[in-house]
């Protein structure tokens, strides 16, 4: 069972890799990204998409840093982390 699961995971990873590889091969045409003041960047489409994805990941991680910092400080102080107020329980009146 464990070997079958390992094989399925390997097949999934190989499928994702070859799908992305085919995407990269099919998107090699030049793309122009226009910025302000008549500046632009020309690169293959796959690099533009990869750059946008990477920038999104970086922004997401940087957006989570304050929360991670608060959680870490709360663990160091052995106090529960600050979380939003719990929602009131809804009863059906019975």
PDB file of N, CA and C in Angstrom:
ATOM      1  N   UNK A   1       0.826  -1.200   0.000  1.00  0.00           N
ATOM      2  CA  UNK A   1       0.000   0.000   0.000  1.00  0.00           C
ATOM      3  C   UNK A   1       0.870   1.264   0.000  1.00  0.00           C
ATOM      4  N   UNK A   2       1.926   1.206   0.818  1.00  0.00           N
ATOM      5  CA  UNK A   2       2.813   2.359   0.912  1.00  0.00           C
ATOM      6  C   UNK A   2       3.536   2.593  -0.418  1.00  0.00           C
ATOM      7  N   UNK A   3       3.911   1.510  -1.071  1.00  0.00           N
ATOM      8  CA  UNK A   3       4.600   1.599  -2.360  1.00  0.00           C
ATOM      9  C   UNK A   3       3.662   2.161  -3.432  1.00  0.00           C
ATOM     10  N   UNK A   4       2.410   1.765  -3.401  1.00  0.00           N
ATOM     11  CA  UNK A   4       1.429   2.267  -4.362  1.00  0.00           C
ATOM     12  C   UNK A   4       1.221   3.772  -4.184  1.00  0.00           C
ATOM     13  N   UNK A   5       1.142   4.207  -2.938  1.00  0.00           N
ATOM     14  CA  UNK A   5       0.994   5.636  -2.668  1.00  0.00           C
ATOM     15  C   UNK A   5       2.220   6.407  -3.144  1.00  0.00           C
ATOM     16  N   UNK A   6       3.409   5.853  -2.915  1.00  0.00           N
ATOM     17  CA  UNK A   6       4.642   6.488  -3.394  1.00  0.00           C
ATOM     18  C   UNK A   6       4.626   6.607  -4.910  1.00  0.00           C
ATOM     19  N   UNK A   7       4.184   5.560  -5.600  1.00  0.00           N
ATOM     20  CA  UNK A   7       4.116   5.564  -7.057  1.00  0.00           C
ATOM     21  C   UNK A   7       3.116   6.605  -7.562  1.00  0.00           C
ATOM     22  N   UNK A   8       1.968   6.706  -6.923  1.00  0.00           N
ATOM     23  CA  UNK A   8       0.968   7.698  -7.320  1.00  0.00           C
ATOM     24  C   UNK A   8       1.487   9.128  -7.118  1.00  0.00           C
ATOM     25  N   UNK A   9       2.188   9.356  -6.029  1.00  0.00           N
ATOM     26  CA  UNK A   9       2.771  10.679  -5.795  1.00  0.00           C
ATOM     27  C   UNK A   9       3.817  10.998  -6.852  1.00  0.00           C
ATOM     28  N   UNK A  10       4.643  10.025  -7.197  1.00  0.00           N
ATOM     29  CA  UNK A  10       5.659  10.224  -8.220  1.00  0.00           C
ATOM     30  C   UNK A  10       5.014  10.518  -9.568  1.00  0.00           C
ATOM     31  N   UNK A  11       3.967   9.804  -9.921  1.00  0.00           N
ATOM     32  CA  UNK A  11       3.258  10.039 -11.183  1.00  0.00           C
ATOM     33  C   UNK A  11       2.615  11.419 -11.212  1.00  0.00           C
ATOM     34  N   UNK A  12       2.064  11.858 -10.093  1.00  0.00           N
ATOM     35  CA  UNK A  12       1.472  13.191 -10.033  1.00  0.00           C
ATOM     36  C   UNK A  12       2.539  14.264 -10.229  1.00  0.00           C
ATOM     37  N   UNK A  13       3.671  14.104  -9.574  1.00  0.00           N
ATOM     38  CA  UNK A  13       4.765  15.072  -9.726  1.00  0.00           C
ATOM     39  C   UNK A  13       5.283  15.089 -11.159  1.00  0.00           C
ATOM     40  N   UNK A  14       5.432  13.911 -11.774  1.00  0.00           N
ATOM     41  CA  UNK A  14       5.905  13.836 -13.158  1.00  0.00           C
ATOM     42  C   UNK A  14       4.898  14.479 -14.105  1.00  0.00           C
ATOM     43  N   UNK A  15       3.626  14.271 -13.868  1.00  0.00           N
ATOM     44  CA  UNK A  15       2.585  14.868 -14.707  1.00  0.00           C
ATOM     45  C   UNK A  15       2.614  16.382 -14.609  1.00  0.00           C
ATOM     46  N   UNK A  16       2.734  16.903 -13.404  1.00  0.00           N
ATOM     47  CA  UNK A  16       2.800  18.357 -13.226  1.00  0.00           C
ATOM     48  C   UNK A  16       4.040  18.917 -13.908  1.00  0.00           C
ATOM     49  N   UNK A  17       5.187  18.251 -13.750  1.00  0.00           N
ATOM     50  CA  UNK A  17       6.421  18.721 -14.371  1.00  0.00           C
ATOM     51  C   UNK A  17       6.289  18.761 -15.890  1.00  0.00           C
ATOM     52  N   UNK A  18       5.822  17.675 -16.493  1.00  0.00           N
ATOM     53  CA  UNK A  18       5.733  17.635 -17.956  1.00  0.00           C
ATOM     54  C   UNK A  18       4.677  18.594 -18.496  1.00  0.00           C
ATOM     55  N   UNK A  19       3.614  18.833 -17.740  1.00  0.00           N
ATOM     56  CA  UNK A  19       2.612  19.818 -18.150  1.00  0.00           C
ATOM     57  C   UNK A  19       3.220  21.219 -18.161  1.00  0.00           C
ATOM     58  N   UNK A  20       3.953  21.560 -17.115  1.00  0.00           N
ATOM     59  CA  UNK A  20       4.600  22.873 -17.063  1.00  0.00           C
ATOM     60  C   UNK A  20       5.697  23.003 -18.108  1.00  0.00           C
ATOM     61  N   UNK A  21       6.404  21.906 -18.368  1.00  0.00           N
ATOM     62  CA  UNK A  21       7.444  21.914 -19.390  1.00  0.00           C
ATOM     63  C   UNK A  21       6.840  22.137 -20.770  1.00  0.00           C
ATOM     64  N   UNK A  22       5.722  21.492 -21.061  1.00  0.00           N
ATOM     65  CA  UNK A  22       5.036  21.697 -22.342  1.00  0.00           C
ATOM     66  C   UNK A  22       4.511  23.129 -22.450  1.00  0.00           C
ATOM     67  N   UNK A  23       4.016  23.667 -21.343  1.00  0.00           N
ATOM     68  CA  UNK A  23       3.563  25.063 -21.325  1.00  0.00           C
ATOM     69  C   UNK A  23       4.713  25.998 -21.674  1.00  0.00           C
ATOM     70  N   UNK A  24       5.872  25.742 -21.099  1.00  0.00           N
ATOM     71  CA  UNK A  24       7.034  26.589 -21.375  1.00  0.00           C
ATOM     72  C   UNK A  24       7.466  26.486 -22.833  1.00  0.00           C
ATOM     73  N   UNK A  25       7.439  25.294 -23.378  1.00  0.00           N
ATOM     74  CA  UNK A  25       7.835  25.117 -24.776  1.00  0.00           C
ATOM     75  C   UNK A  25       6.849  25.773 -25.741  1.00  0.00           C
ATOM     76  N   UNK A  26       5.583  25.790 -25.388  1.00  0.00           N
ATOM     77  CA  UNK A  26       4.558  26.361 -26.265  1.00  0.00           C
ATOM     78  C   UNK A  26       4.418  27.871 -26.125  1.00  0.00           C
ATOM     79  N   UNK A  27       5.093  28.473 -25.179  1.00  0.00           N
ATOM     80  CA  UNK A  27       4.954  29.910 -24.949  1.00  0.00           C
ATOM     81  C   UNK A  27       6.314  30.593 -24.994  1.00  0.00           C
ATOM     82  N   UNK A  28       7.003  30.436 -26.090  1.00  0.00           N
ATOM     83  CA  UNK A  28       8.318  31.042 -26.231  1.00  0.00           C
ATOM     84  C   UNK A  28       8.277  32.329 -27.037  1.00  0.00           C
ATOM     85  N   UNK A  29       7.112  32.721 -27.541  1.00  0.00           N
ATOM     86  CA  UNK A  29       7.043  33.956 -28.310  1.00  0.00           C
ATOM     87  C   UNK A  29       7.311  35.158 -27.403  1.00  0.00           C
ATOM     88  N   UNK A  30       7.787  36.214 -28.023  1.00  0.00           N
ATOM     89  CA  UNK A  30       8.178  37.425 -27.298  1.00  0.00           C
ATOM     90  C   UNK A  30       6.928  38.159 -26.796  1.00  0.00           C
ATOM     91  N   UNK A  31       6.965  38.573 -25.552  1.00  0.00           N
ATOM     92  CA  UNK A  31       5.878  39.332 -24.937  1.00  0.00           C
ATOM     93  C   UNK A  31       6.441  40.648 -24.436  1.00  0.00           C
ATOM     94  N   UNK A  32       5.654  41.695 -24.579  1.00  0.00           N
ATOM     95  CA  UNK A  32       6.105  43.020 -24.144  1.00  0.00           C
ATOM     96  C   UNK A  32       5.219  43.483 -22.995  1.00  0.00           C
ATOM     97  N   UNK A  33       5.835  43.779 -21.874  1.00  0.00           N
ATOM     98  CA  UNK A  33       5.125  44.294 -20.699  1.00  0.00           C
ATOM     99  C   UNK A  33       5.421  45.780 -20.621  1.00  0.00           C
ATOM    100  N   UNK A  34       4.382  46.606 -20.716  1.00  0.00           N
ATOM    101  CA  UNK A  34       4.545  48.062 -20.703  1.00  0.00           C
ATOM    102  C   UNK A  34       4.437  48.600 -19.278  1.00  0.00           C
ATOM    103  N   UNK A  35       5.381  49.459 -18.934  1.00  0.00           N
ATOM    104  CA  UNK A  35       5.377  50.129 -17.637  1.00  0.00           C
ATOM    105  C   UNK A  35       5.084  51.606 -17.850  1.00  0.00           C
ATOM    106  N   UNK A  36       5.267  52.391 -16.813  1.00  0.00           N
ATOM    107  CA  UNK A  36       5.044  53.834 -16.908  1.00  0.00           C
ATOM    108  C   UNK A  36       6.170  54.512 -17.682  1.00  0.00           C
ATOM    109  N   UNK A  37       5.886  55.691 -18.175  1.00  0.00           N
ATOM    110  CA  UNK A  37       6.862  56.566 -18.844  1.00  0.00           C
ATOM    111  C   UNK A  37       7.512  55.884 -20.048  1.00  0.00           C
ATOM    112  N   UNK A  38       6.715  55.185 -20.819  1.00  0.00           N
ATOM    113  CA  UNK A  38       7.148  54.529 -22.064  1.00  0.00           C
ATOM    114  C   UNK A  38       8.282  53.531 -21.867  1.00  0.00           C
ATOM    115  N   UNK A  39       8.376  52.950 -20.715  1.00  0.00           N
ATOM    116  CA  UNK A  39       9.358  51.890 -20.509  1.00  0.00           C
ATOM    117  C   UNK A  39       8.656  50.547 -20.658  1.00  0.00           C
ATOM    118  N   UNK A  40       9.386  49.548 -21.085  1.00  0.00           N
ATOM    119  CA  UNK A  40       8.804  48.224 -21.265  1.00  0.00           C
ATOM    120  C   UNK A  40       9.863  47.157 -21.052  1.00  0.00           C
ATOM    121  N   UNK A  41       9.386  45.945 -20.919  1.00  0.00           N
ATOM    122  CA  UNK A  41      10.246  44.787 -20.755  1.00  0.00           C
ATOM    123  C   UNK A  41       9.802  43.743 -21.757  1.00  0.00           C
ATOM    124  N   UNK A  42      10.700  43.271 -22.577  1.00  0.00           N
ATOM    125  CA  UNK A  42      10.404  42.225 -23.548  1.00  0.00           C
ATOM    126  C   UNK A  42      11.054  40.925 -23.092  1.00  0.00           C
ATOM    127  N   UNK A  43      10.258  39.869 -23.052  1.00  0.00           N
ATOM    128  CA  UNK A  43      10.759  38.563 -22.626  1.00  0.00           C
ATOM    129  C   UNK A  43       9.816  37.493 -23.163  1.00  0.00           C
ATOM    130  N   UNK A  44      10.246  36.244 -23.165  1.00  0.00           N
ATOM    131  CA  UNK A  44       9.337  35.158 -23.552  1.00  0.00           C
ATOM    132  C   UNK A  44       8.140  35.093 -22.596  1.00  0.00           C
ATOM    133  N   UNK A  45       7.006  34.685 -23.118  1.00  0.00           N
ATOM    134  CA  UNK A  45       5.771  34.653 -22.324  1.00  0.00           C
ATOM    135  C   UNK A  45       5.932  33.831 -21.052  1.00  0.00           C
ATOM    136  N   UNK A  46       6.611  32.708 -21.138  1.00  0.00           N
ATOM    137  CA  UNK A  46       6.762  31.854 -19.965  1.00  0.00           C
ATOM    138  C   UNK A  46       7.528  32.574 -18.856  1.00  0.00           C
ATOM    139  N   UNK A  47       8.504  33.399 -19.202  1.00  0.00           N
ATOM    140  CA  UNK A  47       9.229  34.155 -18.172  1.00  0.00           C
ATOM    141  C   UNK A  47       8.352  35.232 -17.542  1.00  0.00           C
ATOM    142  N   UNK A  48       7.501  35.841 -18.340  1.00  0.00           N
ATOM    143  CA  UNK A  48       6.583  36.848 -17.800  1.00  0.00           C
ATOM    144  C   UNK A  48       5.619  36.190 -16.808  1.00  0.00           C
ATOM    145  N   UNK A  49       5.071  35.035 -17.172  1.00  0.00           N
ATOM    146  CA  UNK A  49       4.142  34.329 -16.282  1.00  0.00           C
ATOM    147  C   UNK A  49       4.862  33.860 -15.016  1.00  0.00           C
ATOM    148  N   UNK A  50       6.060  33.312 -15.172  1.00  0.00           N
ATOM    149  CA  UNK A  50       6.836  32.857 -14.012  1.00  0.00           C
ATOM    150  C   UNK A  50       7.183  34.025 -13.085  1.00  0.00           C
ATOM    151  N   UNK A  51       7.528  35.167 -13.662  1.00  0.00           N
ATOM    152  CA  UNK A  51       7.850  36.355 -12.857  1.00  0.00           C
ATOM    153  C   UNK A  51       6.622  36.842 -12.089  1.00  0.00           C
ATOM    154  N   UNK A  52       5.463  36.842 -12.759  1.00  0.00           N
ATOM    155  CA  UNK A  52       4.235  37.270 -12.078  1.00  0.00           C
ATOM    156  C   UNK A  52       3.890  36.320 -10.932  1.00  0.00           C
ATOM    157  N   UNK A  53       4.047  35.025 -11.143  1.00  0.00           N
ATOM    158  CA  UNK A  53       3.790  34.045 -10.089  1.00  0.00           C
ATOM    159  C   UNK A  53       4.742  34.240  -8.913  1.00  0.00           C
ATOM    160  N   UNK A  54       6.021  34.421  -9.215  1.00  0.00           N
ATOM    161  CA  UNK A  54       7.024  34.617  -8.166  1.00  0.00           C
ATOM    162  C   UNK A  54       6.745  35.884  -7.371  1.00  0.00           C
ATOM    163  N   UNK A  55       6.396  36.952  -8.070  1.00  0.00           N
ATOM    164  CA  UNK A  55       6.068  38.204  -7.384  1.00  0.00           C
ATOM    165  C   UNK A  55       4.853  38.018  -6.471  1.00  0.00           C
ATOM    166  N   UNK A  56       3.861  37.274  -6.925  1.00  0.00           N
ATOM    167  CA  UNK A  56       2.688  37.002  -6.095  1.00  0.00           C
ATOM    168  C   UNK A  56       3.025  36.213  -4.849  1.00  0.00           C
ATOM    169  N   UNK A  57       3.908  35.231  -4.981  1.00  0.00           N
ATOM    170  CA  UNK A  57       4.325  34.442  -3.816  1.00  0.00           C
ATOM    171  C   UNK A  57       5.073  35.318  -2.823  1.00  0.00           C
ATOM    172  N   UNK A  58       5.964  36.161  -3.324  1.00  0.00           N
ATOM    173  CA  UNK A  58       6.741  37.044  -2.449  1.00  0.00           C
ATOM    174  C   UNK A  58       5.811  38.004  -1.700  1.00  0.00           C
ATOM    175  N   UNK A  59       4.866  38.594  -2.405  1.00  0.00           N
ATOM    176  CA  UNK A  59       3.922  39.524  -1.762  1.00  0.00           C
ATOM    177  C   UNK A  59       3.085  38.783  -0.717  1.00  0.00           C
ATOM    178  N   UNK A  60       2.657  37.569  -1.026  1.00  0.00           N
ATOM    179  CA  UNK A  60       1.879  36.787  -0.063  1.00  0.00           C
ATOM    180  C   UNK A  60       2.662  36.450   1.185  1.00  0.00           C
ATOM    181  N   UNK A  61       3.911  36.049   1.013  1.00  0.00           N
ATOM    182  CA  UNK A  61       4.745  35.718   2.176  1.00  0.00           C
ATOM    183  C   UNK A  61       5.005  36.962   3.012  1.00  0.00           C
ATOM    184  N   UNK A  62       5.320  38.076   2.352  1.00  0.00           N
ATOM    185  CA  UNK A  62       5.558  39.316   3.102  1.00  0.00           C
ATOM    186  C   UNK A  62       4.298  39.789   3.818  1.00  0.00           C
ATOM    187  N   UNK A  63       3.145  39.528   3.236  1.00  0.00           N
ATOM    188  CA  UNK A  63       1.887  39.887   3.898  1.00  0.00           C
ATOM    189  C   UNK A  63       1.625  39.049   5.135  1.00  0.00           C
ATOM    190  N   UNK A  64       2.165  37.839   5.187  1.00  0.00           N
ATOM    191  CA  UNK A  64       1.954  36.958   6.335  1.00  0.00           C
ATOM    192  C   UNK A  64       2.992  37.143   7.441  1.00  0.00           C
ATOM    193  N   UNK A  65       4.083  37.835   7.159  1.00  0.00           N
ATOM    194  CA  UNK A  65       5.159  37.982   8.147  1.00  0.00           C
ATOM    195  C   UNK A  65       4.671  38.599   9.464  1.00  0.00           C
ATOM    196  N   UNK A  66       3.859  39.678   9.458  1.00  0.00           N
ATOM    197  CA  UNK A  66       3.417  40.224  10.762  1.00  0.00           C
ATOM    198  C   UNK A  66       2.643  39.212  11.600  1.00  0.00           C
ATOM    199  N   UNK A  67       1.772  38.442  10.954  1.00  0.00           N
ATOM    200  CA  UNK A  67       1.010  37.449  11.711  1.00  0.00           C
ATOM    201  C   UNK A  67       1.933  36.370  12.260  1.00  0.00           C
ATOM    202  N   UNK A  68       2.866  35.885  11.463  1.00  0.00           N
ATOM    203  CA  UNK A  68       3.816  34.885  11.940  1.00  0.00           C
ATOM    204  C   UNK A  68       4.634  35.436  13.100  1.00  0.00           C
ATOM    205  N   UNK A  69       4.998  36.699  13.023  1.00  0.00           N
ATOM    206  CA  UNK A  69       5.786  37.321  14.087  1.00  0.00           C
ATOM    207  C   UNK A  69       4.987  37.360  15.392  1.00  0.00           C
ATOM    208  N   UNK A  70       3.705  37.762  15.302  1.00  0.00           N
ATOM    209  CA  UNK A  70       2.856  37.789  16.510  1.00  0.00           C
ATOM    210  C   UNK A  70       2.691  36.396  17.101  1.00  0.00           C
ATOM    211  N   UNK A  71       2.479  35.402  16.239  1.00  0.00           N
ATOM    212  CA  UNK A  71       2.331  34.035  16.730  1.00  0.00           C
ATOM    213  C   UNK A  71       3.610  33.568  17.437  1.00  0.00           C
ATOM    214  N   UNK A  72       4.736  33.889  16.854  1.00  0.00           N
ATOM    215  CA  UNK A  72       6.015  33.481  17.436  1.00  0.00           C
ATOM    216  C   UNK A  72       6.247  34.154  18.783  1.00  0.00           C
ATOM    217  N   UNK A  73       5.922  35.437  18.866  1.00  0.00           N
ATOM    218  CA  UNK A  73       6.089  36.152  20.135  1.00  0.00           C
ATOM    219  C   UNK A  73       5.148  35.595  21.198  1.00  0.00           C
ATOM    220  N   UNK A  74       3.927  35.229  20.798  1.00  0.00           N
ATOM    221  CA  UNK A  74       2.984  34.666  21.754  1.00  0.00           C
ATOM    222  C   UNK A  74       3.469  33.314  22.268  1.00  0.00           C
ATOM    223  N   UNK A  75       4.054  32.506  21.415  1.00  0.00           N
ATOM    224  CA  UNK A  75       4.572  31.206  21.841  1.00  0.00           C
ATOM    225  C   UNK A  75       5.742  31.401  22.800  1.00  0.00           C
ATOM    226  N   UNK A  76       6.592  32.382  22.518  1.00  0.00           N
ATOM    227  CA  UNK A  76       7.723  32.646  23.412  1.00  0.00           C
ATOM    228  C   UNK A  76       7.260  33.068  24.800  1.00  0.00           C
ATOM    229  N   UNK A  77       6.153  33.811  24.872  1.00  0.00           N
ATOM    230  CA  UNK A  77       5.646  34.294  26.153  1.00  0.00           C
ATOM    231  C   UNK A  77       4.708  33.288  26.814  1.00  0.00           C
ATOM    232  N   UNK A  78       4.465  32.157  26.151  1.00  0.00           N
ATOM    233  CA  UNK A  78       3.531  31.143  26.657  1.00  0.00           C
ATOM    234  C   UNK A  78       2.130  31.695  26.874  1.00  0.00           C
ATOM    235  N   UNK A  79       1.727  32.578  26.025  1.00  0.00           N
ATOM    236  CA  UNK A  79       0.361  33.094  26.069  1.00  0.00           C
ATOM    237  C   UNK A  79      -0.325  32.694  24.776  1.00  0.00           C
ATOM    238  N   UNK A  80      -1.642  32.555  24.815  1.00  0.00           N
ATOM    239  CA  UNK A  80      -2.336  32.206  23.581  1.00  0.00           C
ATOM    240  C   UNK A  80      -2.236  33.352  22.575  1.00  0.00           C
ATOM    241  N   UNK A  81      -2.123  33.055  21.286  1.00  0.00           N
ATOM    242  CA  UNK A  81      -2.028  34.111  20.285  1.00  0.00           C
ATOM    243  C   UNK A  81      -3.310  34.909  20.187  1.00  0.00           C
ATOM    244  N   UNK A  82      -3.188  36.139  19.759  1.00  0.00           N
ATOM    245  CA  UNK A  82      -4.349  37.001  19.593  1.00  0.00           C
ATOM    246  C   UNK A  82      -5.112  36.525  18.372  1.00  0.00           C
ATOM    247  N   UNK A  83      -6.379  36.229  18.568  1.00  0.00           N
ATOM    248  CA  UNK A  83      -7.208  35.785  17.452  1.00  0.00           C
ATOM    249  C   UNK A  83      -8.499  36.596  17.451  1.00  0.00           C
ATOM    250  N   UNK A  84      -9.219  36.599  16.345  1.00  0.00           N
ATOM    251  CA  UNK A  84     -10.464  37.343  16.312  1.00  0.00           C
ATOM    252  C   UNK A  84     -11.459  36.797  17.313  1.00  0.00           C
ATOM    253  N   UNK A  85     -12.411  37.637  17.717  1.00  0.00           N
ATOM    254  CA  UNK A  85     -13.417  37.225  18.689  1.00  0.00           C
ATOM    255  C   UNK A  85     -14.220  36.052  18.140  1.00  0.00           C
ATOM    256  N   UNK A  86     -14.523  35.069  18.985  1.00  0.00           N
ATOM    257  CA  UNK A  86     -15.281  33.915  18.491  1.00  0.00           C
ATOM    258  C   UNK A  86     -16.701  34.322  18.110  1.00  0.00           C
ATOM    259  N   UNK A  87     -17.238  33.629  17.132  1.00  0.00           N
ATOM    260  CA  UNK A  87     -18.616  33.897  16.703  1.00  0.00           C
ATOM    261  C   UNK A  87     -19.569  33.332  17.747  1.00  0.00           C
ATOM    262  N   UNK A  88     -20.683  34.044  18.003  1.00  0.00           N
ATOM    263  CA  UNK A  88     -21.645  33.516  18.969  1.00  0.00           C
ATOM    264  C   UNK A  88     -22.284  32.247  18.433  1.00  0.00           C
ATOM    265  N   UNK A  89     -22.577  31.324  19.350  1.00  0.00           N
ATOM    266  CA  UNK A  89     -23.203  30.076  18.930  1.00  0.00           C
ATOM    267  C   UNK A  89     -24.663  30.317  18.608  1.00  0.00           C
ATOM    268  N   UNK A  90     -25.111  29.700  17.544  1.00  0.00           N
ATOM    269  CA  UNK A  90     -26.514  29.831  17.131  1.00  0.00           C
ATOM    270  C   UNK A  90     -27.266  28.615  17.605  1.00  0.00           C
ATOM    271  N   UNK A  91     -28.329  28.852  18.342  1.00  0.00           N
ATOM    272  CA  UNK A  91     -29.156  27.731  18.799  1.00  0.00           C
ATOM    273  C   UNK A  91     -30.462  27.754  18.029  1.00  0.00           C
ATOM    274  N   UNK A  92     -31.056  26.575  17.891  1.00  0.00           N
ATOM    275  CA  UNK A  92     -32.297  26.488  17.126  1.00  0.00           C
ATOM    276  C   UNK A  92     -33.525  26.703  17.994  1.00  0.00           C
ATOM    277  N   UNK A  93     -33.365  27.116  19.216  1.00  0.00           N
ATOM    278  CA  UNK A  93     -34.458  27.490  20.100  1.00  0.00           C
ATOM    279  C   UNK A  93     -35.143  26.314  20.761  1.00  0.00           C
ATOM    280  N   UNK A  94     -34.649  25.127  20.614  1.00  0.00           N
ATOM    281  CA  UNK A  94     -35.294  23.950  21.206  1.00  0.00           C
ATOM    282  C   UNK A  94     -34.786  23.716  22.592  1.00  0.00           C
TER     283      UNK A  94
END
